[in-house]
Amino acid sequence: MLTAQRKRLIGFATVTLVAAAWTGAFLVWLLLDPSLKQWTLTMAIVAVATEIGLWVGAAILGVSVIQRLRARWSLSAMLRGKRR
């Protein structure tokens, strides 16, 4: 079960890693004057990191929705008459 604190920690770590990947790409472009092959490889790595970040964000959102629905529609809550 993911708590709100863990969700925030995972989200913060994901955003930090994606920002670090883009910062690294900018530094490669700025400092190394890469060839076309090097720049393509750099952008491919950054694109994969960004895609992973998006999927992690979608997973956190999905888990949050499932947890909220599970709490709202649980059988015990319905029997007690305590819907949120």
N, C-alpha and C. Protein backbone atom coordinates (compact mmCIF):
# COMPACT_ATOMS: atom_id res chain seq x y z
N MET A 1 0.85 -1.17 0.00
CA MET A 1 0.00 0.00 0.00
C MET A 1 0.90 1.24 0.00
N LEU A 2 0.67 2.10 -0.96
CA LEU A 2 1.45 3.32 -1.05
C LEU A 2 0.79 4.41 -0.23
N THR A 3 1.54 4.96 0.69
CA THR A 3 1.03 6.08 1.47
C THR A 3 1.28 7.37 0.70
N ALA A 4 0.65 8.43 1.14
CA ALA A 4 0.82 9.72 0.47
C ALA A 4 2.29 10.17 0.52
N GLN A 5 2.94 9.87 1.64
CA GLN A 5 4.34 10.28 1.77
C GLN A 5 5.23 9.52 0.76
N ARG A 6 4.97 8.24 0.59
CA ARG A 6 5.76 7.47 -0.37
C ARG A 6 5.47 7.91 -1.80
N LYS A 7 4.23 8.24 -2.10
CA LYS A 7 3.88 8.72 -3.43
C LYS A 7 4.62 10.02 -3.73
N ARG A 8 4.65 10.92 -2.75
CA ARG A 8 5.39 12.18 -2.95
C ARG A 8 6.88 11.93 -3.14
N LEU A 9 7.43 11.00 -2.37
CA LEU A 9 8.85 10.68 -2.48
C LEU A 9 9.17 10.11 -3.87
N ILE A 10 8.35 9.18 -4.34
CA ILE A 10 8.56 8.60 -5.67
C ILE A 10 8.40 9.67 -6.75
N GLY A 11 7.40 10.52 -6.61
CA GLY A 11 7.20 11.60 -7.58
C GLY A 11 8.36 12.57 -7.60
N PHE A 12 8.85 12.94 -6.41
CA PHE A 12 9.99 13.86 -6.33
C PHE A 12 11.23 13.24 -6.95
N ALA A 13 11.48 11.96 -6.66
CA ALA A 13 12.65 11.28 -7.22
C ALA A 13 12.56 11.19 -8.74
N THR A 14 11.37 10.92 -9.25
CA THR A 14 11.18 10.83 -10.70
C THR A 14 11.43 12.16 -11.38
N VAL A 15 10.85 13.22 -10.83
CA VAL A 15 11.05 14.56 -11.41
C VAL A 15 12.53 14.95 -11.34
N THR A 16 13.18 14.62 -10.25
CA THR A 16 14.60 14.94 -10.10
C THR A 16 15.45 14.21 -11.13
N LEU A 17 15.16 12.93 -11.35
CA LEU A 17 15.94 12.17 -12.33
C LEU A 17 15.71 12.66 -13.75
N VAL A 18 14.48 13.01 -14.09
CA VAL A 18 14.21 13.53 -15.43
C VAL A 18 14.88 14.90 -15.62
N ALA A 19 14.81 15.74 -14.60
CA ALA A 19 15.47 17.05 -14.69
C ALA A 19 16.99 16.89 -14.80
N ALA A 20 17.54 15.92 -14.09
CA ALA A 20 18.98 15.67 -14.18
C ALA A 20 19.36 15.17 -15.58
N ALA A 21 18.52 14.35 -16.18
CA ALA A 21 18.80 13.86 -17.53
C ALA A 21 18.81 15.01 -18.53
N TRP A 22 17.83 15.91 -18.43
CA TRP A 22 17.79 17.04 -19.35
C TRP A 22 18.92 18.04 -19.09
N THR A 23 19.28 18.21 -17.83
CA THR A 23 20.42 19.07 -17.51
C THR A 23 21.71 18.48 -18.08
N GLY A 24 21.85 17.16 -17.97
CA GLY A 24 23.02 16.49 -18.55
C GLY A 24 23.08 16.65 -20.05
N ALA A 25 21.92 16.56 -20.71
CA ALA A 25 21.89 16.74 -22.16
C ALA A 25 22.29 18.16 -22.54
N PHE A 26 21.79 19.12 -21.78
CA PHE A 26 22.17 20.51 -22.05
C PHE A 26 23.66 20.71 -21.87
N LEU A 27 24.23 20.12 -20.81
CA LEU A 27 25.66 20.26 -20.57
C LEU A 27 26.49 19.57 -21.66
N VAL A 28 26.03 18.42 -22.14
CA VAL A 28 26.73 17.76 -23.25
C VAL A 28 26.74 18.66 -24.47
N TRP A 29 25.60 19.25 -24.78
CA TRP A 29 25.50 20.14 -25.93
C TRP A 29 26.38 21.38 -25.76
N LEU A 30 26.38 21.93 -24.55
CA LEU A 30 27.10 23.18 -24.28
C LEU A 30 28.61 22.98 -24.22
N LEU A 31 29.06 21.93 -23.56
CA LEU A 31 30.48 21.78 -23.27
C LEU A 31 31.25 20.90 -24.27
N LEU A 32 30.58 19.91 -24.86
CA LEU A 32 31.33 18.94 -25.65
C LEU A 32 31.21 19.13 -27.15
N ASP A 33 30.28 19.93 -27.62
CA ASP A 33 30.04 20.10 -29.05
C ASP A 33 29.98 18.73 -29.73
N PRO A 34 28.92 17.95 -29.43
CA PRO A 34 28.87 16.56 -29.87
C PRO A 34 28.62 16.42 -31.37
N SER A 35 29.08 15.29 -31.89
CA SER A 35 28.79 14.96 -33.29
C SER A 35 27.32 14.52 -33.37
N LEU A 36 26.87 14.28 -34.58
CA LEU A 36 25.47 13.87 -34.77
C LEU A 36 25.18 12.55 -34.07
N LYS A 37 26.11 11.60 -34.14
CA LYS A 37 25.92 10.31 -33.47
C LYS A 37 25.85 10.48 -31.95
N GLN A 38 26.74 11.27 -31.39
CA GLN A 38 26.74 11.50 -29.95
C GLN A 38 25.47 12.22 -29.50
N TRP A 39 25.04 13.19 -30.28
CA TRP A 39 23.84 13.94 -29.91
C TRP A 39 22.60 13.06 -30.01
N THR A 40 22.56 12.21 -31.02
CA THR A 40 21.43 11.28 -31.17
C THR A 40 21.37 10.32 -30.01
N LEU A 41 22.50 9.78 -29.60
CA LEU A 41 22.55 8.88 -28.45
C LEU A 41 22.13 9.60 -27.18
N THR A 42 22.60 10.82 -27.01
CA THR A 42 22.24 11.61 -25.82
C THR A 42 20.73 11.86 -25.78
N MET A 43 20.15 12.24 -26.90
CA MET A 43 18.71 12.51 -26.93
C MET A 43 17.90 11.23 -26.75
N ALA A 44 18.40 10.11 -27.24
CA ALA A 44 17.69 8.85 -27.05
C ALA A 44 17.66 8.47 -25.57
N ILE A 45 18.77 8.67 -24.89
CA ILE A 45 18.83 8.37 -23.45
C ILE A 45 17.89 9.28 -22.67
N VAL A 46 17.90 10.55 -23.01
CA VAL A 46 17.03 11.51 -22.32
C VAL A 46 15.56 11.21 -22.62
N ALA A 47 15.27 10.82 -23.84
CA ALA A 47 13.88 10.48 -24.20
C ALA A 47 13.40 9.26 -23.42
N VAL A 48 14.25 8.26 -23.27
CA VAL A 48 13.88 7.07 -22.49
C VAL A 48 13.67 7.45 -21.03
N ALA A 49 14.54 8.28 -20.48
CA ALA A 49 14.39 8.71 -19.09
C ALA A 49 13.08 9.48 -18.89
N THR A 50 12.75 10.34 -19.84
CA THR A 50 11.51 11.10 -19.76
C THR A 50 10.30 10.18 -19.87
N GLU A 51 10.36 9.23 -20.77
CA GLU A 51 9.26 8.28 -20.94
C GLU A 51 9.05 7.46 -19.67
N ILE A 52 10.12 7.01 -19.06
CA ILE A 52 10.01 6.28 -17.80
C ILE A 52 9.38 7.16 -16.73
N GLY A 53 9.79 8.42 -16.69
CA GLY A 53 9.20 9.35 -15.73
C GLY A 53 7.70 9.53 -15.92
N LEU A 54 7.28 9.61 -17.17
CA LEU A 54 5.85 9.73 -17.46
C LEU A 54 5.08 8.48 -17.04
N TRP A 55 5.65 7.31 -17.30
CA TRP A 55 4.98 6.07 -16.91
C TRP A 55 4.92 5.91 -15.40
N VAL A 56 5.95 6.33 -14.70
CA VAL A 56 5.92 6.27 -13.23
C VAL A 56 4.84 7.21 -12.70
N GLY A 57 4.75 8.40 -13.27
CA GLY A 57 3.69 9.33 -12.86
C GLY A 57 2.30 8.77 -13.12
N ALA A 58 2.11 8.13 -14.27
CA ALA A 58 0.82 7.52 -14.57
C ALA A 58 0.52 6.37 -13.62
N ALA A 59 1.53 5.61 -13.26
CA ALA A 59 1.33 4.50 -12.32
C ALA A 59 0.93 5.02 -10.94
N ILE A 60 1.57 6.09 -10.48
CA ILE A 60 1.21 6.66 -9.18
C ILE A 60 -0.22 7.17 -9.21
N LEU A 61 -0.59 7.83 -10.29
CA LEU A 61 -1.96 8.32 -10.43
C LEU A 61 -2.96 7.15 -10.44
N GLY A 62 -2.64 6.11 -11.17
CA GLY A 62 -3.51 4.94 -11.23
C GLY A 62 -3.67 4.26 -9.89
N VAL A 63 -2.57 4.10 -9.17
CA VAL A 63 -2.64 3.49 -7.83
C VAL A 63 -3.47 4.36 -6.90
N SER A 64 -3.33 5.65 -7.00
CA SER A 64 -4.11 6.56 -6.16
C SER A 64 -5.60 6.42 -6.43
N VAL A 65 -5.97 6.33 -7.70
CA VAL A 65 -7.38 6.18 -8.06
C VAL A 65 -7.92 4.84 -7.56
N ILE A 66 -7.15 3.79 -7.75
CA ILE A 66 -7.59 2.46 -7.30
C ILE A 66 -7.75 2.43 -5.78
N GLN A 67 -6.80 3.02 -5.05
CA GLN A 67 -6.91 3.05 -3.59
C GLN A 67 -8.13 3.84 -3.14
N ARG A 68 -8.39 4.95 -3.79
CA ARG A 68 -9.55 5.76 -3.42
C ARG A 68 -10.85 5.02 -3.71
N LEU A 69 -10.94 4.38 -4.87
CA LEU A 69 -12.14 3.62 -5.20
C LEU A 69 -12.33 2.42 -4.28
N ARG A 70 -11.24 1.76 -3.96
CA ARG A 70 -11.32 0.61 -3.05
C ARG A 70 -11.83 1.05 -1.68
N ALA A 71 -11.35 2.17 -1.20
CA ALA A 71 -11.80 2.66 0.10
C ALA A 71 -13.26 3.10 0.04
N ARG A 72 -13.63 3.69 -1.07
CA ARG A 72 -15.00 4.21 -1.19
C ARG A 72 -16.02 3.09 -1.33
N TRP A 73 -15.70 2.06 -2.07
CA TRP A 73 -16.67 1.04 -2.39
C TRP A 73 -16.41 -0.29 -1.68
N SER A 74 -15.69 -0.27 -0.58
CA SER A 74 -15.44 -1.51 0.12
C SER A 74 -16.74 -2.05 0.73
N LEU A 75 -16.81 -3.33 0.81
CA LEU A 75 -18.03 -3.97 1.29
C LEU A 75 -18.32 -3.61 2.74
N SER A 76 -17.30 -3.55 3.55
CA SER A 76 -17.53 -3.24 4.95
C SER A 76 -18.04 -1.83 5.13
N ALA A 77 -17.56 -0.89 4.35
CA ALA A 77 -18.03 0.49 4.44
C ALA A 77 -19.47 0.58 3.96
N MET A 78 -19.80 -0.20 2.94
CA MET A 78 -21.17 -0.16 2.45
C MET A 78 -22.14 -0.75 3.48
N LEU A 79 -21.72 -1.82 4.15
CA LEU A 79 -22.57 -2.44 5.15
C LEU A 79 -22.77 -1.54 6.36
N ARG A 80 -21.79 -0.79 6.70
CA ARG A 80 -21.92 0.13 7.85
C ARG A 80 -22.60 1.43 7.45
N GLY A 81 -22.76 1.66 6.16
CA GLY A 81 -23.38 2.88 5.70
C GLY A 81 -22.46 4.08 5.75
N LYS A 82 -21.16 3.83 5.67
CA LYS A 82 -20.18 4.92 5.77
C LYS A 82 -19.51 5.14 4.42
N ARG A 83 -20.25 5.62 3.48
CA ARG A 83 -19.64 5.99 2.19
C ARG A 83 -19.00 7.35 2.31
N ARG A 84 -17.93 7.52 1.59
CA ARG A 84 -17.24 8.82 1.62
C ARG A 84 -17.81 9.72 0.59
